[in-house]
Amino acid sequence: MTKKLAGLPTWQRNLFVLWFGVFMTGIGFSEVLPFLSLYVDTLGNFSKNQLTFYSGLALPSPF
C-alpha cells in the first residue's frame, strides 16, 4: 500500500489521507449520535418537555 501511495503525486496522497480522515470521523459520529440524547439527561434535572427539547437540539448539532 505504501508503494502505491509513494508513486502518487502529492495532491493525490493528500486527498487520500483527507478522505480517510473524513470517513473515520463519519463513522465516529454515527456511533456516538444515537447515545447523545441519552447523555443530555445526565447534565441536569430537566422536565420532560425540556429534556425532549434539548435532546432534539443535540441530535442535529454535529451536522
N, C-alpha and C. Protein backbone atom coordinates (compact mmCIF):
# COMPACT_ATOMS: atom_id res chain seq x y z
N MET A 1 0.82 -1.20 0.00
CA MET A 1 0.00 0.00 0.00
C MET A 1 0.87 1.26 0.00
N THR A 2 1.95 1.24 0.76
CA THR A 2 2.80 2.43 0.81
C THR A 2 3.51 2.64 -0.52
N LYS A 3 3.80 1.56 -1.26
CA LYS A 3 4.41 1.74 -2.58
C LYS A 3 3.44 2.42 -3.53
N LYS A 4 2.16 2.05 -3.41
CA LYS A 4 1.15 2.69 -4.25
C LYS A 4 1.03 4.17 -3.91
N LEU A 5 1.03 4.48 -2.61
CA LEU A 5 0.93 5.88 -2.20
C LEU A 5 2.17 6.67 -2.56
N ALA A 6 3.32 6.03 -2.49
CA ALA A 6 4.57 6.74 -2.80
C ALA A 6 4.65 7.11 -4.27
N GLY A 7 3.99 6.32 -5.11
CA GLY A 7 4.03 6.60 -6.54
C GLY A 7 3.05 7.66 -6.99
N LEU A 8 2.15 8.07 -6.11
CA LEU A 8 1.15 9.07 -6.47
C LEU A 8 1.70 10.48 -6.33
N PRO A 9 1.14 11.42 -7.08
CA PRO A 9 1.51 12.82 -6.87
C PRO A 9 1.08 13.27 -5.47
N THR A 10 1.67 14.32 -5.00
CA THR A 10 1.42 14.81 -3.64
C THR A 10 -0.05 15.12 -3.40
N TRP A 11 -0.71 15.75 -4.37
CA TRP A 11 -2.11 16.12 -4.16
C TRP A 11 -3.00 14.90 -4.04
N GLN A 12 -2.68 13.82 -4.73
CA GLN A 12 -3.49 12.61 -4.62
C GLN A 12 -3.26 11.90 -3.29
N ARG A 13 -2.04 11.92 -2.78
CA ARG A 13 -1.78 11.36 -1.45
C ARG A 13 -2.53 12.14 -0.39
N ASN A 14 -2.47 13.48 -0.50
CA ASN A 14 -3.19 14.32 0.46
C ASN A 14 -4.69 14.08 0.39
N LEU A 15 -5.21 13.91 -0.82
CA LEU A 15 -6.64 13.65 -0.98
C LEU A 15 -7.02 12.32 -0.35
N PHE A 16 -6.18 11.31 -0.52
CA PHE A 16 -6.45 10.01 0.07
C PHE A 16 -6.46 10.09 1.59
N VAL A 17 -5.48 10.75 2.17
CA VAL A 17 -5.40 10.89 3.63
C VAL A 17 -6.59 11.70 4.15
N LEU A 18 -6.96 12.76 3.45
CA LEU A 18 -8.10 13.57 3.85
C LEU A 18 -9.39 12.76 3.77
N TRP A 19 -9.56 12.00 2.69
CA TRP A 19 -10.76 11.17 2.55
C TRP A 19 -10.84 10.15 3.69
N PHE A 20 -9.74 9.52 4.00
CA PHE A 20 -9.72 8.53 5.07
C PHE A 20 -10.09 9.16 6.41
N GLY A 21 -9.56 10.35 6.69
CA GLY A 21 -9.87 11.04 7.94
C GLY A 21 -11.34 11.42 8.04
N VAL A 22 -11.91 11.91 6.96
CA VAL A 22 -13.33 12.28 6.95
C VAL A 22 -14.20 11.03 7.10
N PHE A 23 -13.80 9.94 6.46
CA PHE A 23 -14.53 8.69 6.57
C PHE A 23 -14.54 8.18 8.00
N MET A 24 -13.39 8.19 8.66
CA MET A 24 -13.31 7.72 10.04
C MET A 24 -14.08 8.63 10.99
N THR A 25 -14.06 9.93 10.73
CA THR A 25 -14.84 10.87 11.54
C THR A 25 -16.33 10.59 11.39
N GLY A 26 -16.76 10.32 10.17
CA GLY A 26 -18.17 9.98 9.94
C GLY A 26 -18.58 8.72 10.67
N ILE A 27 -17.71 7.73 10.69
CA ILE A 27 -18.00 6.51 11.43
C ILE A 27 -18.11 6.82 12.93
N GLY A 28 -17.20 7.64 13.43
CA GLY A 28 -17.25 8.01 14.85
C GLY A 28 -18.53 8.73 15.22
N PHE A 29 -18.97 9.67 14.38
CA PHE A 29 -20.22 10.38 14.66
C PHE A 29 -21.41 9.44 14.61
N SER A 30 -21.41 8.53 13.65
CA SER A 30 -22.56 7.64 13.54
C SER A 30 -22.64 6.67 14.72
N GLU A 31 -21.52 6.41 15.37
CA GLU A 31 -21.53 5.53 16.54
C GLU A 31 -21.96 6.29 17.81
N VAL A 32 -21.68 7.57 17.86
CA VAL A 32 -21.95 8.36 19.07
C VAL A 32 -23.33 8.99 19.06
N LEU A 33 -23.80 9.39 17.91
CA LEU A 33 -25.05 10.16 17.83
C LEU A 33 -26.26 9.49 18.46
N PRO A 34 -26.47 8.19 18.32
CA PRO A 34 -27.66 7.62 18.96
C PRO A 34 -27.66 7.75 20.49
N PHE A 35 -26.49 7.87 21.09
CA PHE A 35 -26.41 7.95 22.55
C PHE A 35 -26.30 9.38 23.06
N LEU A 36 -26.18 10.34 22.17
CA LEU A 36 -26.02 11.73 22.57
C LEU A 36 -27.25 12.25 23.32
N SER A 37 -28.43 11.88 22.87
CA SER A 37 -29.63 12.36 23.54
C SER A 37 -29.78 11.73 24.94
N LEU A 38 -29.25 10.54 25.14
CA LEU A 38 -29.29 9.94 26.48
C LEU A 38 -28.32 10.65 27.42
N TYR A 39 -27.23 11.17 26.89
CA TYR A 39 -26.25 11.89 27.69
C TYR A 39 -26.82 13.21 28.21
N VAL A 40 -27.71 13.82 27.44
CA VAL A 40 -28.30 15.11 27.85
C VAL A 40 -29.02 14.95 29.18
N ASP A 41 -29.60 13.81 29.42
CA ASP A 41 -30.34 13.57 30.67
C ASP A 41 -29.42 13.65 31.89
N THR A 42 -28.15 13.34 31.74
CA THR A 42 -27.22 13.35 32.87
C THR A 42 -26.68 14.74 33.17
N LEU A 43 -27.01 15.73 32.35
CA LEU A 43 -26.46 17.07 32.53
C LEU A 43 -27.20 17.92 33.57
N GLY A 44 -28.36 17.47 33.99
CA GLY A 44 -29.10 18.25 34.97
C GLY A 44 -30.48 17.69 35.21
N ASN A 45 -31.23 18.39 36.03
CA ASN A 45 -32.61 17.99 36.32
C ASN A 45 -33.53 18.77 35.38
N PHE A 46 -34.03 18.09 34.37
CA PHE A 46 -34.89 18.72 33.37
C PHE A 46 -36.28 18.13 33.46
N SER A 47 -37.27 18.95 33.11
CA SER A 47 -38.62 18.40 32.96
C SER A 47 -38.65 17.60 31.66
N LYS A 48 -39.74 16.86 31.47
CA LYS A 48 -39.83 16.02 30.26
C LYS A 48 -39.81 16.88 29.01
N ASN A 49 -40.49 18.02 29.02
CA ASN A 49 -40.51 18.90 27.85
C ASN A 49 -39.13 19.49 27.57
N GLN A 50 -38.43 19.91 28.63
CA GLN A 50 -37.09 20.44 28.44
C GLN A 50 -36.14 19.37 27.92
N LEU A 51 -36.23 18.18 28.47
CA LEU A 51 -35.37 17.08 28.05
C LEU A 51 -35.62 16.73 26.59
N THR A 52 -36.87 16.72 26.19
CA THR A 52 -37.20 16.46 24.79
C THR A 52 -36.64 17.55 23.89
N PHE A 53 -36.77 18.79 24.31
CA PHE A 53 -36.25 19.91 23.51
C PHE A 53 -34.74 19.84 23.38
N TYR A 54 -34.03 19.67 24.50
CA TYR A 54 -32.56 19.64 24.45
C TYR A 54 -32.02 18.41 23.73
N SER A 55 -32.71 17.29 23.88
CA SER A 55 -32.28 16.09 23.15
C SER A 55 -32.47 16.29 21.65
N GLY A 56 -33.58 16.90 21.27
CA GLY A 56 -33.82 17.20 19.86
C GLY A 56 -32.85 18.22 19.33
N LEU A 57 -32.40 19.11 20.16
CA LEU A 57 -31.43 20.12 19.74
C LEU A 57 -30.03 19.52 19.63
N ALA A 58 -29.70 18.56 20.49
CA ALA A 58 -28.36 17.97 20.49
C ALA A 58 -28.16 17.00 19.33
N LEU A 59 -29.21 16.37 18.86
CA LEU A 59 -29.06 15.37 17.81
C LEU A 59 -28.56 15.96 16.49
N PRO A 60 -29.12 17.05 15.97
CA PRO A 60 -28.61 17.57 14.69
C PRO A 60 -27.42 18.51 14.83
N SER A 61 -27.02 18.84 16.04
CA SER A 61 -25.95 19.84 16.23
C SER A 61 -24.60 19.45 15.62
N PRO A 62 -24.16 18.20 15.62
CA PRO A 62 -22.87 17.90 14.97
C PRO A 62 -22.87 18.11 13.47
N PHE A 63 -24.03 18.02 12.85
CA PHE A 63 -24.07 18.18 11.41
C PHE A 63 -24.11 19.65 11.03
